[in-house]
Amino acid sequence: MESFDDLQIRCPRLGHEVPFAYCRREAGELPCFRVLLCWQSRIPAEDILRKTLSPEAWERFCRQESKDKVSSLIALIEAAKKRGKEKR
């Protein structure tokens, strides 16, 4: 399968460019809830996610609810803190 992880797009939630790799793991083990909206017109995002996620993870991804702006920012901050601790 062709790798699209290095492709970049402007994230409407963050307001700057992010690679597809970030969108695939933005919510921890799950992709960002907007990944299909943002990427489907450029790449076969749904096919990629179905091939890379377990059936259980795909179901959890499909059941994700969009968050309000403040909740999204808090979740992003927490995820960044967690990634920072894991790198140490």
N, C-alpha and C. Protein backbone atom coordinates (compact mmCIF):
# COMPACT_ATOMS: atom_id res chain seq x y z
N MET A 1 0.85 -1.19 0.00
CA MET A 1 0.00 0.00 0.00
C MET A 1 0.89 1.24 0.00
N GLU A 2 0.55 2.18 -0.84
CA GLU A 2 1.29 3.44 -0.93
C GLU A 2 1.17 4.20 0.38
N SER A 3 2.26 4.82 0.80
CA SER A 3 2.24 5.59 2.05
C SER A 3 1.86 7.04 1.77
N PHE A 4 0.87 7.50 2.50
CA PHE A 4 0.41 8.88 2.38
C PHE A 4 0.76 9.68 3.63
N ASP A 5 1.49 9.06 4.56
CA ASP A 5 1.73 9.68 5.86
C ASP A 5 2.42 11.03 5.80
N ASP A 6 3.24 11.28 4.79
CA ASP A 6 3.97 12.55 4.72
C ASP A 6 3.20 13.66 4.03
N LEU A 7 2.08 13.34 3.38
CA LEU A 7 1.27 14.39 2.75
C LEU A 7 0.74 15.34 3.81
N GLN A 8 0.66 16.61 3.46
CA GLN A 8 0.20 17.62 4.43
C GLN A 8 -1.06 18.30 3.94
N ILE A 9 -1.85 18.73 4.90
CA ILE A 9 -3.09 19.45 4.64
C ILE A 9 -3.30 20.43 5.79
N ARG A 10 -4.02 21.50 5.52
CA ARG A 10 -4.32 22.45 6.59
C ARG A 10 -5.40 21.87 7.49
N CYS A 11 -5.12 21.81 8.78
CA CYS A 11 -6.07 21.28 9.75
C CYS A 11 -7.03 22.38 10.17
N PRO A 12 -8.33 22.19 9.97
CA PRO A 12 -9.29 23.23 10.37
C PRO A 12 -9.41 23.37 11.89
N ARG A 13 -9.01 22.34 12.61
CA ARG A 13 -9.08 22.40 14.07
C ARG A 13 -7.87 23.11 14.67
N LEU A 14 -6.69 22.86 14.10
CA LEU A 14 -5.46 23.44 14.64
C LEU A 14 -5.05 24.73 13.95
N GLY A 15 -5.48 24.89 12.71
CA GLY A 15 -5.18 26.11 11.98
C GLY A 15 -3.83 26.14 11.30
N HIS A 16 -3.18 24.99 11.15
CA HIS A 16 -1.90 24.94 10.44
C HIS A 16 -1.78 23.59 9.74
N GLU A 17 -0.69 23.43 8.99
CA GLU A 17 -0.46 22.22 8.22
C GLU A 17 -0.11 21.05 9.15
N VAL A 18 -0.67 19.89 8.84
CA VAL A 18 -0.34 18.66 9.56
C VAL A 18 -0.24 17.52 8.55
N PRO A 19 0.60 16.53 8.83
CA PRO A 19 0.69 15.38 7.93
C PRO A 19 -0.44 14.39 8.19
N PHE A 20 -0.72 13.58 7.20
CA PHE A 20 -1.74 12.55 7.35
C PHE A 20 -1.42 11.63 8.52
N ALA A 21 -0.13 11.37 8.76
CA ALA A 21 0.26 10.52 9.88
C ALA A 21 -0.27 11.06 11.21
N TYR A 22 -0.25 12.37 11.38
CA TYR A 22 -0.79 12.97 12.61
C TYR A 22 -2.29 12.72 12.70
N CYS A 23 -2.99 12.92 11.60
CA CYS A 23 -4.45 12.75 11.59
C CYS A 23 -4.85 11.31 11.89
N ARG A 24 -4.01 10.36 11.46
CA ARG A 24 -4.32 8.95 11.71
C ARG A 24 -4.20 8.57 13.18
N ARG A 25 -3.50 9.37 13.98
CA ARG A 25 -3.28 9.05 15.39
C ARG A 25 -3.57 10.21 16.32
N GLU A 26 -4.27 11.20 15.85
CA GLU A 26 -4.55 12.41 16.65
C GLU A 26 -5.27 12.10 17.95
N ALA A 27 -6.16 11.14 17.94
CA ALA A 27 -6.95 10.82 19.13
C ALA A 27 -6.36 9.62 19.87
N GLY A 28 -5.05 9.58 20.01
CA GLY A 28 -4.41 8.44 20.66
C GLY A 28 -4.26 7.30 19.66
N GLU A 29 -4.94 6.20 19.91
CA GLU A 29 -4.85 5.09 18.95
C GLU A 29 -5.83 5.25 17.80
N LEU A 30 -6.76 6.18 17.93
CA LEU A 30 -7.77 6.40 16.89
C LEU A 30 -7.46 7.64 16.06
N PRO A 31 -7.91 7.65 14.81
CA PRO A 31 -7.75 8.84 13.98
C PRO A 31 -8.63 9.99 14.48
N CYS A 32 -8.30 11.18 14.05
CA CYS A 32 -9.13 12.35 14.31
C CYS A 32 -10.53 12.10 13.74
N PHE A 33 -11.54 12.57 14.42
CA PHE A 33 -12.90 12.33 13.96
C PHE A 33 -13.18 13.00 12.62
N ARG A 34 -12.35 13.98 12.20
CA ARG A 34 -12.54 14.68 10.93
C ARG A 34 -11.68 14.14 9.79
N VAL A 35 -10.91 13.10 10.04
CA VAL A 35 -9.94 12.65 9.04
C VAL A 35 -10.58 12.35 7.69
N LEU A 36 -11.73 11.74 7.67
CA LEU A 36 -12.38 11.43 6.38
C LEU A 36 -12.87 12.70 5.69
N LEU A 37 -13.42 13.63 6.45
CA LEU A 37 -13.87 14.90 5.87
C LEU A 37 -12.71 15.67 5.25
N CYS A 38 -11.60 15.68 5.92
CA CYS A 38 -10.45 16.46 5.46
C CYS A 38 -9.69 15.80 4.30
N TRP A 39 -9.54 14.49 4.34
CA TRP A 39 -8.65 13.81 3.42
C TRP A 39 -9.31 13.05 2.27
N GLN A 40 -10.55 12.67 2.39
CA GLN A 40 -11.16 11.78 1.40
C GLN A 40 -11.10 12.31 -0.03
N SER A 41 -11.13 13.62 -0.21
CA SER A 41 -11.07 14.17 -1.57
C SER A 41 -9.66 14.10 -2.17
N ARG A 42 -8.65 13.87 -1.34
CA ARG A 42 -7.26 13.83 -1.82
C ARG A 42 -6.69 12.43 -1.93
N ILE A 43 -7.06 11.57 -0.99
CA ILE A 43 -6.51 10.21 -0.95
C ILE A 43 -7.62 9.24 -0.55
N PRO A 44 -7.40 7.93 -0.75
CA PRO A 44 -8.42 6.96 -0.33
C PRO A 44 -8.38 6.73 1.18
N ALA A 45 -8.71 7.75 1.94
CA ALA A 45 -8.55 7.73 3.39
C ALA A 45 -9.33 6.60 4.06
N GLU A 46 -10.57 6.40 3.64
CA GLU A 46 -11.36 5.33 4.28
C GLU A 46 -10.72 3.97 4.04
N ASP A 47 -10.28 3.70 2.83
CA ASP A 47 -9.62 2.42 2.53
C ASP A 47 -8.37 2.24 3.38
N ILE A 48 -7.58 3.29 3.50
CA ILE A 48 -6.36 3.22 4.29
C ILE A 48 -6.68 2.90 5.74
N LEU A 49 -7.64 3.61 6.31
CA LEU A 49 -7.99 3.40 7.71
C LEU A 49 -8.57 2.01 7.94
N ARG A 50 -9.40 1.54 7.03
CA ARG A 50 -9.98 0.19 7.18
C ARG A 50 -8.89 -0.88 7.14
N LYS A 51 -7.83 -0.65 6.35
CA LYS A 51 -6.74 -1.63 6.25
C LYS A 51 -5.79 -1.56 7.44
N THR A 52 -5.65 -0.39 8.05
CA THR A 52 -4.67 -0.24 9.12
C THR A 52 -5.25 -0.36 10.52
N LEU A 53 -6.54 -0.12 10.68
CA LEU A 53 -7.17 -0.25 12.00
C LEU A 53 -7.73 -1.65 12.18
N SER A 54 -7.73 -2.12 13.40
CA SER A 54 -8.41 -3.39 13.69
C SER A 54 -9.91 -3.17 13.52
N PRO A 55 -10.68 -4.23 13.34
CA PRO A 55 -12.14 -4.05 13.24
C PRO A 55 -12.73 -3.35 14.46
N GLU A 56 -12.20 -3.64 15.64
CA GLU A 56 -12.69 -3.00 16.86
C GLU A 56 -12.36 -1.51 16.87
N ALA A 57 -11.13 -1.17 16.46
CA ALA A 57 -10.72 0.24 16.42
C ALA A 57 -11.54 1.00 15.37
N TRP A 58 -11.82 0.35 14.24
CA TRP A 58 -12.65 0.99 13.20
C TRP A 58 -14.03 1.31 13.76
N GLU A 59 -14.61 0.38 14.50
CA GLU A 59 -15.93 0.61 15.10
C GLU A 59 -15.89 1.76 16.10
N ARG A 60 -14.86 1.79 16.94
CA ARG A 60 -14.72 2.90 17.91
C ARG A 60 -14.55 4.23 17.18
N PHE A 61 -13.76 4.22 16.11
CA PHE A 61 -13.57 5.43 15.32
C PHE A 61 -14.90 5.91 14.74
N CYS A 62 -15.68 4.99 14.21
CA CYS A 62 -16.97 5.36 13.60
C CYS A 62 -17.97 5.89 14.62
N ARG A 63 -17.81 5.49 15.88
CA ARG A 63 -18.73 5.93 16.93
C ARG A 63 -18.27 7.21 17.62
N GLN A 64 -17.10 7.72 17.25
CA GLN A 64 -16.62 8.96 17.88
C GLN A 64 -17.59 10.10 17.63
N GLU A 65 -17.75 10.94 18.62
CA GLU A 65 -18.58 12.13 18.46
C GLU A 65 -17.68 13.34 18.35
N SER A 66 -18.10 14.30 17.55
CA SER A 66 -17.32 15.53 17.46
C SER A 66 -17.41 16.27 18.78
N LYS A 67 -16.34 16.96 19.10
CA LYS A 67 -16.27 17.69 20.36
C LYS A 67 -16.38 19.18 20.09
N ASP A 68 -16.82 19.92 21.11
CA ASP A 68 -16.81 21.37 20.96
C ASP A 68 -15.35 21.83 20.99
N LYS A 69 -15.12 23.08 20.64
CA LYS A 69 -13.76 23.61 20.49
C LYS A 69 -12.93 23.48 21.77
N VAL A 70 -13.51 23.84 22.91
CA VAL A 70 -12.76 23.79 24.17
C VAL A 70 -12.40 22.35 24.52
N SER A 71 -13.34 21.44 24.39
CA SER A 71 -13.07 20.03 24.68
C SER A 71 -11.99 19.49 23.76
N SER A 72 -12.04 19.88 22.49
CA SER A 72 -11.02 19.46 21.53
C SER A 72 -9.65 19.96 21.93
N LEU A 73 -9.56 21.21 22.30
CA LEU A 73 -8.26 21.78 22.69
C LEU A 73 -7.71 21.09 23.93
N ILE A 74 -8.56 20.82 24.90
CA ILE A 74 -8.11 20.13 26.11
C ILE A 74 -7.60 18.73 25.76
N ALA A 75 -8.33 18.02 24.93
CA ALA A 75 -7.92 16.68 24.52
C ALA A 75 -6.59 16.72 23.76
N LEU A 76 -6.42 17.71 22.88
CA LEU A 76 -5.16 17.84 22.14
C LEU A 76 -3.99 18.13 23.07
N ILE A 77 -4.20 18.98 24.05
CA ILE A 77 -3.15 19.31 25.02
C ILE A 77 -2.77 18.07 25.82
N GLU A 78 -3.75 17.32 26.28
CA GLU A 78 -3.49 16.10 27.04
C GLU A 78 -2.73 15.08 26.19
N ALA A 79 -3.12 14.93 24.93
CA ALA A 79 -2.44 13.98 24.04
C ALA A 79 -0.99 14.42 23.81
N ALA A 80 -0.76 15.71 23.65
CA ALA A 80 0.60 16.22 23.46
C ALA A 80 1.45 15.99 24.70
N LYS A 81 0.87 16.21 25.87
CA LYS A 81 1.59 15.95 27.13
C LYS A 81 1.98 14.48 27.22
N LYS A 82 1.06 13.61 26.89
CA LYS A 82 1.31 12.17 26.95
C LYS A 82 2.43 11.78 25.99
N ARG A 83 2.38 12.31 24.76
CA ARG A 83 3.44 12.00 23.79
C ARG A 83 4.78 12.52 24.28
N GLY A 84 4.78 13.71 24.91
CA GLY A 84 6.02 14.27 25.44
C GLY A 84 6.62 13.40 26.53
N LYS A 85 5.79 12.85 27.40
CA LYS A 85 6.27 11.97 28.47
C LYS A 85 6.80 10.66 27.91
N GLU A 86 6.16 10.14 26.86
CA GLU A 86 6.59 8.88 26.25
C GLU A 86 7.95 9.01 25.58
N LYS A 87 8.28 10.19 25.07
CA LYS A 87 9.56 10.39 24.38
C LYS A 87 10.72 10.51 25.35
N ARG A 88 10.45 10.81 26.60
CA ARG A 88 11.53 11.00 27.58
C ARG A 88 12.11 9.71 28.05
